[in-house]
Amino acid sequence: MKCPFCGNADTQVVDSRMGEDRDSVKRRRRCPSCDKRFTTWETVELRMPQVVKSSGNRAEFGADKLRTGFTRALHKRPVPTDLVDAAIQRITQKLLSLGEREVQSSLIGQMVMKELARLDKVAYIRFASVYRSFQDVDDFREAIEEVAKPAPKRRRAVAGR
């Protein structure tokens, strides 16, 4: 770390402590050249990937756009805000964990549909109708059948077998 006082490129760390938020490190440093002390803060900087639209255009990822999509699909549906927040957080974390610089908008749409299917079936159909550009009643019927399928039954383990 460069000394802000004399510009010396080599400084020494005297003390390190975790920040109150537990997401940063506070370092107390000393410059051996001018003997002055200063504090630095280190935090992780995570960059969301660029979103590549179907047109080929690129845009910054925005959680506010995700929230708008969820809000429109869930309009007048009995889904608590904290569940929506958790769904948005899961999508954001999945995108970060991909470690990619760019991600297709279709992948984000699929993630939203998966989360909406868990939250509310009606909201899922609403979103799917716009996302998949439904053209007729058959498209709605297929989507309804898709979410109406019962979950596969799990076999129970029988003791002693």
N, C-alpha and C. Protein backbone atom coordinates (compact mmCIF):
# COMPACT_ATOMS: atom_id res chain seq x y z
N MET A 1 0.86 -1.18 0.00
CA MET A 1 0.00 0.00 0.00
C MET A 1 0.89 1.22 0.00
N LYS A 2 0.58 2.15 -0.86
CA LYS A 2 1.35 3.38 -1.00
C LYS A 2 1.00 4.35 0.13
N CYS A 3 2.01 4.96 0.71
CA CYS A 3 1.82 5.94 1.79
C CYS A 3 1.16 7.19 1.22
N PRO A 4 0.03 7.63 1.83
CA PRO A 4 -0.64 8.82 1.33
C PRO A 4 0.11 10.12 1.66
N PHE A 5 1.10 10.05 2.54
CA PHE A 5 1.83 11.25 2.96
C PHE A 5 3.09 11.50 2.14
N CYS A 6 3.92 10.44 1.99
CA CYS A 6 5.19 10.64 1.29
C CYS A 6 5.26 9.88 -0.03
N GLY A 7 4.31 8.98 -0.28
CA GLY A 7 4.29 8.26 -1.54
C GLY A 7 5.14 7.00 -1.56
N ASN A 8 5.74 6.65 -0.44
CA ASN A 8 6.54 5.44 -0.35
C ASN A 8 5.65 4.23 -0.70
N ALA A 9 6.16 3.36 -1.57
CA ALA A 9 5.37 2.22 -2.03
C ALA A 9 5.34 1.06 -1.04
N ASP A 10 6.17 1.10 -0.02
CA ASP A 10 6.26 -0.02 0.92
C ASP A 10 5.85 0.42 2.32
N THR A 11 4.68 -0.04 2.78
CA THR A 11 4.22 0.28 4.13
C THR A 11 4.03 -1.01 4.90
N GLN A 12 4.00 -0.89 6.22
CA GLN A 12 3.88 -2.06 7.08
C GLN A 12 2.52 -2.08 7.76
N VAL A 13 1.94 -3.28 7.90
CA VAL A 13 0.68 -3.45 8.62
C VAL A 13 1.02 -3.59 10.10
N VAL A 14 0.45 -2.71 10.93
CA VAL A 14 0.69 -2.72 12.37
C VAL A 14 -0.39 -3.54 13.07
N ASP A 15 -1.64 -3.42 12.60
CA ASP A 15 -2.76 -4.10 13.25
C ASP A 15 -3.85 -4.36 12.22
N SER A 16 -4.52 -5.50 12.32
CA SER A 16 -5.65 -5.83 11.45
C SER A 16 -6.84 -6.27 12.30
N ARG A 17 -8.02 -5.78 11.94
CA ARG A 17 -9.24 -6.15 12.66
C ARG A 17 -10.40 -6.28 11.69
N MET A 18 -11.32 -7.16 12.04
CA MET A 18 -12.53 -7.30 11.24
C MET A 18 -13.41 -6.09 11.47
N GLY A 19 -14.08 -5.63 10.40
CA GLY A 19 -15.03 -4.54 10.54
C GLY A 19 -16.28 -5.02 11.27
N GLU A 20 -17.06 -4.08 11.75
CA GLU A 20 -18.29 -4.44 12.48
C GLU A 20 -19.24 -5.25 11.63
N ASP A 21 -19.25 -4.99 10.33
CA ASP A 21 -20.15 -5.71 9.43
C ASP A 21 -19.63 -7.10 9.08
N ARG A 22 -18.44 -7.43 9.50
CA ARG A 22 -17.78 -8.72 9.25
C ARG A 22 -17.50 -8.96 7.78
N ASP A 23 -17.69 -7.92 6.95
CA ASP A 23 -17.43 -8.02 5.52
C ASP A 23 -16.23 -7.17 5.09
N SER A 24 -15.53 -6.61 6.06
CA SER A 24 -14.39 -5.77 5.73
C SER A 24 -13.28 -5.97 6.76
N VAL A 25 -12.09 -5.55 6.37
CA VAL A 25 -10.93 -5.64 7.27
C VAL A 25 -10.34 -4.24 7.41
N LYS A 26 -10.15 -3.84 8.66
CA LYS A 26 -9.53 -2.55 8.96
C LYS A 26 -8.06 -2.82 9.27
N ARG A 27 -7.18 -2.12 8.53
CA ARG A 27 -5.74 -2.30 8.75
C ARG A 27 -5.11 -0.97 9.15
N ARG A 28 -4.36 -1.03 10.22
CA ARG A 28 -3.59 0.13 10.68
C ARG A 28 -2.20 -0.05 10.09
N ARG A 29 -1.71 0.95 9.38
CA ARG A 29 -0.43 0.85 8.68
C ARG A 29 0.53 1.94 9.13
N ARG A 30 1.82 1.65 8.94
CA ARG A 30 2.88 2.61 9.27
C ARG A 30 3.85 2.67 8.10
N CYS A 31 4.24 3.89 7.78
CA CYS A 31 5.21 4.08 6.70
C CYS A 31 6.62 4.12 7.32
N PRO A 32 7.53 3.23 6.92
CA PRO A 32 8.89 3.25 7.48
C PRO A 32 9.71 4.46 7.01
N SER A 33 9.28 5.08 5.93
CA SER A 33 10.03 6.22 5.39
C SER A 33 9.75 7.51 6.17
N CYS A 34 8.44 7.84 6.36
CA CYS A 34 8.10 9.10 7.06
C CYS A 34 7.58 8.85 8.47
N ASP A 35 7.41 7.58 8.85
CA ASP A 35 6.97 7.16 10.17
C ASP A 35 5.54 7.61 10.53
N LYS A 36 4.73 7.96 9.51
CA LYS A 36 3.34 8.33 9.77
C LYS A 36 2.47 7.09 9.69
N ARG A 37 1.34 7.17 10.39
CA ARG A 37 0.39 6.05 10.44
C ARG A 37 -0.90 6.44 9.73
N PHE A 38 -1.56 5.44 9.14
CA PHE A 38 -2.85 5.66 8.48
C PHE A 38 -3.64 4.35 8.48
N THR A 39 -4.92 4.45 8.21
CA THR A 39 -5.82 3.30 8.24
C THR A 39 -6.35 3.02 6.84
N THR A 40 -6.42 1.74 6.50
CA THR A 40 -7.04 1.34 5.24
C THR A 40 -8.16 0.35 5.55
N TRP A 41 -9.13 0.31 4.66
CA TRP A 41 -10.24 -0.63 4.77
C TRP A 41 -10.25 -1.50 3.53
N GLU A 42 -10.38 -2.80 3.72
CA GLU A 42 -10.46 -3.72 2.59
C GLU A 42 -11.84 -4.35 2.57
N THR A 43 -12.47 -4.30 1.41
CA THR A 43 -13.77 -4.96 1.22
C THR A 43 -13.74 -5.71 -0.10
N VAL A 44 -14.55 -6.72 -0.18
CA VAL A 44 -14.66 -7.49 -1.41
C VAL A 44 -15.55 -6.73 -2.38
N GLU A 45 -15.09 -6.65 -3.60
CA GLU A 45 -15.90 -6.00 -4.63
C GLU A 45 -16.35 -7.07 -5.61
N LEU A 46 -17.64 -7.36 -5.59
CA LEU A 46 -18.20 -8.35 -6.50
C LEU A 46 -18.90 -7.63 -7.64
N ARG A 47 -18.62 -8.07 -8.84
CA ARG A 47 -19.27 -7.46 -10.00
C ARG A 47 -20.26 -8.44 -10.59
N MET A 48 -21.45 -7.95 -10.77
CA MET A 48 -22.46 -8.76 -11.41
C MET A 48 -22.12 -8.86 -12.90
N PRO A 49 -22.49 -9.98 -13.52
CA PRO A 49 -22.18 -10.11 -14.95
C PRO A 49 -23.05 -9.18 -15.79
N GLN A 50 -22.57 -8.87 -16.97
CA GLN A 50 -23.36 -8.12 -17.95
C GLN A 50 -24.45 -9.06 -18.47
N VAL A 51 -25.60 -8.50 -18.77
CA VAL A 51 -26.71 -9.28 -19.30
C VAL A 51 -26.72 -9.12 -20.81
N VAL A 52 -26.66 -10.24 -21.52
CA VAL A 52 -26.71 -10.22 -22.97
C VAL A 52 -28.14 -10.51 -23.39
N LYS A 53 -28.76 -9.51 -24.00
CA LYS A 53 -30.16 -9.64 -24.42
C LYS A 53 -30.25 -10.47 -25.69
N SER A 54 -31.46 -10.90 -26.05
CA SER A 54 -31.65 -11.71 -27.25
C SER A 54 -31.26 -10.95 -28.51
N SER A 55 -31.32 -9.62 -28.46
CA SER A 55 -30.92 -8.79 -29.60
C SER A 55 -29.39 -8.70 -29.74
N GLY A 56 -28.68 -9.17 -28.71
CA GLY A 56 -27.22 -9.07 -28.71
C GLY A 56 -26.71 -7.87 -27.93
N ASN A 57 -27.61 -6.95 -27.58
CA ASN A 57 -27.22 -5.79 -26.77
C ASN A 57 -26.85 -6.24 -25.37
N ARG A 58 -26.01 -5.46 -24.73
CA ARG A 58 -25.60 -5.77 -23.37
C ARG A 58 -26.09 -4.68 -22.44
N ALA A 59 -26.43 -5.09 -21.22
CA ALA A 59 -26.91 -4.14 -20.22
C ALA A 59 -26.38 -4.56 -18.86
N GLU A 60 -26.31 -3.59 -17.96
CA GLU A 60 -25.90 -3.88 -16.58
C GLU A 60 -27.00 -4.71 -15.92
N PHE A 61 -26.59 -5.66 -15.08
CA PHE A 61 -27.56 -6.40 -14.30
C PHE A 61 -28.15 -5.47 -13.26
N GLY A 62 -29.44 -5.57 -13.05
CA GLY A 62 -30.09 -4.75 -12.03
C GLY A 62 -31.11 -5.55 -11.25
N ALA A 63 -30.90 -5.64 -9.94
CA ALA A 63 -31.86 -6.35 -9.09
C ALA A 63 -33.21 -5.65 -9.12
N ASP A 64 -33.21 -4.35 -9.40
CA ASP A 64 -34.48 -3.62 -9.49
C ASP A 64 -35.32 -4.12 -10.66
N LYS A 65 -34.66 -4.54 -11.74
CA LYS A 65 -35.40 -5.11 -12.87
C LYS A 65 -36.00 -6.46 -12.49
N LEU A 66 -35.26 -7.24 -11.72
CA LEU A 66 -35.79 -8.51 -11.22
C LEU A 66 -37.02 -8.26 -10.36
N ARG A 67 -36.90 -7.30 -9.45
CA ARG A 67 -38.01 -6.98 -8.55
C ARG A 67 -39.25 -6.54 -9.34
N THR A 68 -39.04 -5.75 -10.39
CA THR A 68 -40.17 -5.31 -11.21
C THR A 68 -40.86 -6.50 -11.86
N GLY A 69 -40.08 -7.45 -12.37
CA GLY A 69 -40.65 -8.65 -12.98
C GLY A 69 -41.45 -9.46 -11.98
N PHE A 70 -40.89 -9.63 -10.79
CA PHE A 70 -41.60 -10.36 -9.74
C PHE A 70 -42.87 -9.62 -9.33
N THR A 71 -42.76 -8.30 -9.18
CA THR A 71 -43.91 -7.50 -8.74
C THR A 71 -45.06 -7.58 -9.74
N ARG A 72 -44.73 -7.50 -11.01
CA ARG A 72 -45.78 -7.59 -12.04
C ARG A 72 -46.45 -8.95 -12.03
N ALA A 73 -45.64 -10.00 -11.94
CA ALA A 73 -46.19 -11.35 -11.96
C ALA A 73 -47.01 -11.64 -10.70
N LEU A 74 -46.59 -11.07 -9.58
CA LEU A 74 -47.24 -11.35 -8.30
C LEU A 74 -48.30 -10.32 -7.92
N HIS A 75 -48.67 -9.45 -8.86
CA HIS A 75 -49.66 -8.40 -8.57
C HIS A 75 -50.95 -9.01 -8.02
N LYS A 76 -51.34 -8.55 -6.84
CA LYS A 76 -52.54 -9.00 -6.12
C LYS A 76 -52.52 -10.49 -5.79
N ARG A 77 -51.33 -11.03 -5.58
CA ARG A 77 -51.18 -12.42 -5.15
C ARG A 77 -50.70 -12.42 -3.70
N PRO A 78 -51.10 -13.42 -2.92
CA PRO A 78 -50.76 -13.45 -1.49
C PRO A 78 -49.37 -14.01 -1.20
N VAL A 79 -48.35 -13.31 -1.70
CA VAL A 79 -46.98 -13.76 -1.47
C VAL A 79 -46.25 -12.68 -0.68
N PRO A 80 -45.73 -13.02 0.51
CA PRO A 80 -45.03 -12.03 1.34
C PRO A 80 -43.77 -11.48 0.67
N THR A 81 -43.49 -10.23 0.95
CA THR A 81 -42.34 -9.55 0.37
C THR A 81 -41.03 -10.23 0.74
N ASP A 82 -40.94 -10.78 1.95
CA ASP A 82 -39.69 -11.42 2.35
C ASP A 82 -39.38 -12.65 1.50
N LEU A 83 -40.41 -13.34 1.02
CA LEU A 83 -40.18 -14.49 0.13
C LEU A 83 -39.69 -14.02 -1.23
N VAL A 84 -40.21 -12.90 -1.70
CA VAL A 84 -39.75 -12.32 -2.97
C VAL A 84 -38.30 -11.88 -2.82
N ASP A 85 -37.98 -11.21 -1.72
CA ASP A 85 -36.60 -10.78 -1.46
C ASP A 85 -35.65 -11.97 -1.45
N ALA A 86 -36.06 -13.06 -0.82
CA ALA A 86 -35.23 -14.26 -0.76
C ALA A 86 -35.03 -14.85 -2.15
N ALA A 87 -36.07 -14.85 -2.97
CA ALA A 87 -35.96 -15.37 -4.34
C ALA A 87 -34.98 -14.53 -5.16
N ILE A 88 -35.08 -13.22 -5.04
CA ILE A 88 -34.17 -12.32 -5.75
C ILE A 88 -32.74 -12.54 -5.27
N GLN A 89 -32.58 -12.72 -3.98
CA GLN A 89 -31.24 -12.99 -3.43
C GLN A 89 -30.67 -14.31 -3.96
N ARG A 90 -31.51 -15.34 -4.06
CA ARG A 90 -31.04 -16.62 -4.60
C ARG A 90 -30.58 -16.48 -6.05
N ILE A 91 -31.35 -15.75 -6.84
CA ILE A 91 -30.97 -15.55 -8.24
C ILE A 91 -29.66 -14.77 -8.33
N THR A 92 -29.54 -13.72 -7.54
CA THR A 92 -28.32 -12.91 -7.54
C THR A 92 -27.11 -13.75 -7.14
N GLN A 93 -27.27 -14.58 -6.11
CA GLN A 93 -26.17 -15.43 -5.66
C GLN A 93 -25.79 -16.46 -6.73
N LYS A 94 -26.79 -17.03 -7.40
CA LYS A 94 -26.50 -18.00 -8.46
C LYS A 94 -25.72 -17.34 -9.59
N LEU A 95 -26.11 -16.12 -9.95
CA LEU A 95 -25.40 -15.41 -11.01
C LEU A 95 -23.97 -15.11 -10.60
N LEU A 96 -23.76 -14.70 -9.36
CA LEU A 96 -22.40 -14.44 -8.88
C LEU A 96 -21.57 -15.72 -8.86
N SER A 97 -22.19 -16.82 -8.44
CA SER A 97 -21.45 -18.08 -8.32
C SER A 97 -21.05 -18.65 -9.68
N LEU A 98 -21.73 -18.20 -10.75
CA LEU A 98 -21.33 -18.65 -12.08
C LEU A 98 -19.93 -18.17 -12.43
N GLY A 99 -19.57 -17.00 -11.90
CA GLY A 99 -18.24 -16.45 -12.15
C GLY A 99 -18.05 -15.98 -13.58
N GLU A 100 -19.12 -15.76 -14.30
CA GLU A 100 -19.04 -15.33 -15.70
C GLU A 100 -19.08 -13.82 -15.79
N ARG A 101 -18.49 -13.29 -16.84
CA ARG A 101 -18.52 -11.85 -17.08
C ARG A 101 -19.81 -11.44 -17.78
N GLU A 102 -20.40 -12.39 -18.51
CA GLU A 102 -21.65 -12.15 -19.22
C GLU A 102 -22.57 -13.33 -19.03
N VAL A 103 -23.87 -13.04 -19.03
CA VAL A 103 -24.87 -14.10 -18.89
C VAL A 103 -26.04 -13.76 -19.80
N GLN A 104 -26.61 -14.77 -20.42
CA GLN A 104 -27.74 -14.57 -21.33
C GLN A 104 -28.98 -14.20 -20.52
N SER A 105 -29.76 -13.27 -21.04
CA SER A 105 -30.99 -12.87 -20.36
C SER A 105 -31.96 -14.05 -20.24
N SER A 106 -31.87 -14.99 -21.17
CA SER A 106 -32.76 -16.16 -21.12
C SER A 106 -32.48 -17.00 -19.87
N LEU A 107 -31.23 -17.06 -19.44
CA LEU A 107 -30.89 -17.80 -18.22
C LEU A 107 -31.54 -17.14 -17.01
N ILE A 108 -31.50 -15.82 -16.96
CA ILE A 108 -32.14 -15.10 -15.85
C ILE A 108 -33.64 -15.34 -15.89
N GLY A 109 -34.24 -15.31 -17.07
CA GLY A 109 -35.67 -15.58 -17.20
C GLY A 109 -36.04 -16.96 -16.69
N GLN A 110 -35.21 -17.95 -16.99
CA GLN A 110 -35.46 -19.31 -16.51
C GLN A 110 -35.36 -19.38 -14.99
N MET A 111 -34.40 -18.65 -14.43
CA MET A 111 -34.26 -18.62 -12.97
C MET A 111 -35.48 -17.99 -12.33
N VAL A 112 -35.98 -16.90 -12.92
CA VAL A 112 -37.18 -16.23 -12.40
C VAL A 112 -38.37 -17.18 -12.47
N MET A 113 -38.52 -17.87 -13.58
CA MET A 113 -39.65 -18.80 -13.72
C MET A 113 -39.59 -19.92 -12.67
N LYS A 114 -38.40 -20.41 -12.42
CA LYS A 114 -38.24 -21.46 -11.41
C LYS A 114 -38.65 -20.96 -10.03
N GLU A 115 -38.20 -19.74 -9.70
CA GLU A 115 -38.56 -19.16 -8.39
C GLU A 115 -40.06 -18.89 -8.31
N LEU A 116 -40.65 -18.37 -9.38
CA LEU A 116 -42.09 -18.09 -9.37
C LEU A 116 -42.90 -19.37 -9.25
N ALA A 117 -42.44 -20.45 -9.86
CA ALA A 117 -43.14 -21.72 -9.75
C ALA A 117 -43.18 -22.19 -8.29
N ARG A 118 -42.13 -21.87 -7.54
CA ARG A 118 -42.09 -22.22 -6.12
C ARG A 118 -42.98 -21.31 -5.29
N LEU A 119 -43.06 -20.04 -5.69
CA LEU A 119 -43.80 -19.05 -4.90
C LEU A 119 -45.31 -19.08 -5.15
N ASP A 120 -45.69 -19.07 -6.43
CA ASP A 120 -47.10 -18.92 -6.75
C ASP A 120 -47.33 -19.38 -8.19
N LYS A 121 -48.23 -20.34 -8.37
CA LYS A 121 -48.48 -20.92 -9.70
C LYS A 121 -49.11 -19.91 -10.65
N VAL A 122 -50.00 -19.07 -10.15
CA VAL A 122 -50.65 -18.07 -11.00
C VAL A 122 -49.61 -17.06 -11.50
N ALA A 123 -48.73 -16.63 -10.62
CA ALA A 123 -47.68 -15.69 -11.00
C ALA A 123 -46.75 -16.33 -12.03
N TYR A 124 -46.50 -17.62 -11.87
CA TYR A 124 -45.67 -18.34 -12.84
C TYR A 124 -46.30 -18.28 -14.23
N ILE A 125 -47.61 -18.55 -14.31
CA ILE A 125 -48.32 -18.53 -15.59
C ILE A 125 -48.30 -17.12 -16.19
N ARG A 126 -48.52 -16.12 -15.36
CA ARG A 126 -48.47 -14.73 -15.83
C ARG A 126 -47.11 -14.41 -16.46
N PHE A 127 -46.05 -14.74 -15.73
CA PHE A 127 -44.71 -14.44 -16.21
C PHE A 127 -44.40 -15.25 -17.47
N ALA A 128 -44.75 -16.53 -17.45
CA ALA A 128 -44.46 -17.41 -18.59
C ALA A 128 -45.19 -16.93 -19.84
N SER A 129 -46.39 -16.41 -19.68
CA SER A 129 -47.15 -15.97 -20.86
C SER A 129 -46.45 -14.82 -21.58
N VAL A 130 -45.80 -13.96 -20.85
CA VAL A 130 -45.06 -12.86 -21.45
C VAL A 130 -43.68 -13.33 -21.89
N TYR A 131 -42.99 -14.06 -21.02
CA TYR A 131 -41.62 -14.50 -21.28
C TYR A 131 -41.55 -15.41 -22.50
N ARG A 132 -42.51 -16.33 -22.61
CA ARG A 132 -42.52 -17.28 -23.72
C ARG A 132 -43.37 -16.80 -24.90
N SER A 133 -43.92 -15.62 -24.79
CA SER A 133 -44.76 -15.04 -25.86
C SER A 133 -45.88 -15.98 -26.29
N PHE A 134 -46.73 -16.34 -25.34
CA PHE A 134 -47.85 -17.22 -25.65
C PHE A 134 -48.68 -16.62 -26.78
N GLN A 135 -49.09 -17.48 -27.73
CA GLN A 135 -49.85 -17.03 -28.88
C GLN A 135 -51.32 -17.44 -28.83
N ASP A 136 -51.60 -18.57 -28.15
CA ASP A 136 -52.99 -19.01 -28.09
C ASP A 136 -53.25 -19.78 -26.79
N VAL A 137 -54.47 -20.26 -26.67
CA VAL A 137 -54.90 -20.94 -25.45
C VAL A 137 -54.10 -22.21 -25.19
N ASP A 138 -53.67 -22.86 -26.25
CA ASP A 138 -52.89 -24.10 -26.08
C ASP A 138 -51.58 -23.84 -25.34
N ASP A 139 -50.98 -22.69 -25.59
CA ASP A 139 -49.75 -22.35 -24.87
C ASP A 139 -50.02 -22.23 -23.37
N PHE A 140 -51.14 -21.60 -23.02
CA PHE A 140 -51.52 -21.49 -21.60
C PHE A 140 -51.80 -22.87 -21.02
N ARG A 141 -52.50 -23.70 -21.77
CA ARG A 141 -52.85 -25.04 -21.30
C ARG A 141 -51.59 -25.84 -20.99
N GLU A 142 -50.61 -25.78 -21.88
CA GLU A 142 -49.36 -26.51 -21.67
C GLU A 142 -48.63 -26.02 -20.42
N ALA A 143 -48.60 -24.71 -20.24
CA ALA A 143 -47.93 -24.14 -19.06
C ALA A 143 -48.66 -24.53 -17.78
N ILE A 144 -49.99 -24.53 -17.82
CA ILE A 144 -50.77 -24.92 -16.64
C ILE A 144 -50.53 -26.38 -16.32
N GLU A 145 -50.51 -27.23 -17.33
CA GLU A 145 -50.25 -28.65 -17.10
C GLU A 145 -48.85 -28.85 -16.53
N GLU A 146 -47.92 -28.02 -16.99
CA GLU A 146 -46.54 -28.10 -16.51
C GLU A 146 -46.45 -27.84 -15.00
N VAL A 147 -47.14 -26.81 -14.51
CA VAL A 147 -47.06 -26.49 -13.08
C VAL A 147 -48.05 -27.29 -12.25
N ALA A 148 -49.04 -27.90 -12.90
CA ALA A 148 -50.04 -28.67 -12.16
C ALA A 148 -49.61 -30.11 -11.93
N LYS A 149 -48.51 -30.52 -12.56
CA LYS A 149 -48.01 -31.89 -12.35
C LYS A 149 -47.70 -32.08 -10.88
N PRO A 150 -48.17 -33.19 -10.31
CA PRO A 150 -47.80 -33.43 -8.90
C PRO A 150 -46.31 -33.76 -8.81
N ALA A 151 -45.75 -33.37 -7.71
CA ALA A 151 -44.33 -33.65 -7.47
C ALA A 151 -44.13 -35.15 -7.40
N PRO A 152 -43.01 -35.64 -7.91
CA PRO A 152 -42.76 -37.08 -7.86
C PRO A 152 -42.73 -37.57 -6.41
N LYS A 153 -43.38 -38.71 -6.20
CA LYS A 153 -43.42 -39.28 -4.85
C LYS A 153 -42.08 -39.90 -4.52
N ARG A 154 -41.68 -39.69 -3.28
CA ARG A 154 -40.42 -40.27 -2.82
C ARG A 154 -40.73 -41.58 -2.11
N ARG A 155 -39.86 -42.52 -2.32
CA ARG A 155 -40.05 -43.80 -1.64
C ARG A 155 -39.56 -43.69 -0.22
N ARG A 156 -40.31 -44.28 0.65
CA ARG A 156 -39.91 -44.30 2.06
C ARG A 156 -38.99 -45.48 2.32
N ALA A 157 -38.01 -45.22 3.12
CA ALA A 157 -37.12 -46.31 3.53
C ALA A 157 -37.84 -47.10 4.61
N VAL A 158 -37.88 -48.40 4.42
CA VAL A 158 -38.54 -49.27 5.40
C VAL A 158 -37.45 -49.87 6.29
N ALA A 159 -37.67 -49.73 7.60
CA ALA A 159 -36.69 -50.24 8.57
C ALA A 159 -36.57 -51.74 8.45
N GLY A 160 -35.36 -52.24 8.50
CA GLY A 160 -35.11 -53.67 8.51
C GLY A 160 -34.94 -54.24 7.12
N ARG A 161 -35.00 -53.45 6.09
CA ARG A 161 -34.82 -53.98 4.73
C ARG A 161 -33.52 -53.62 4.15
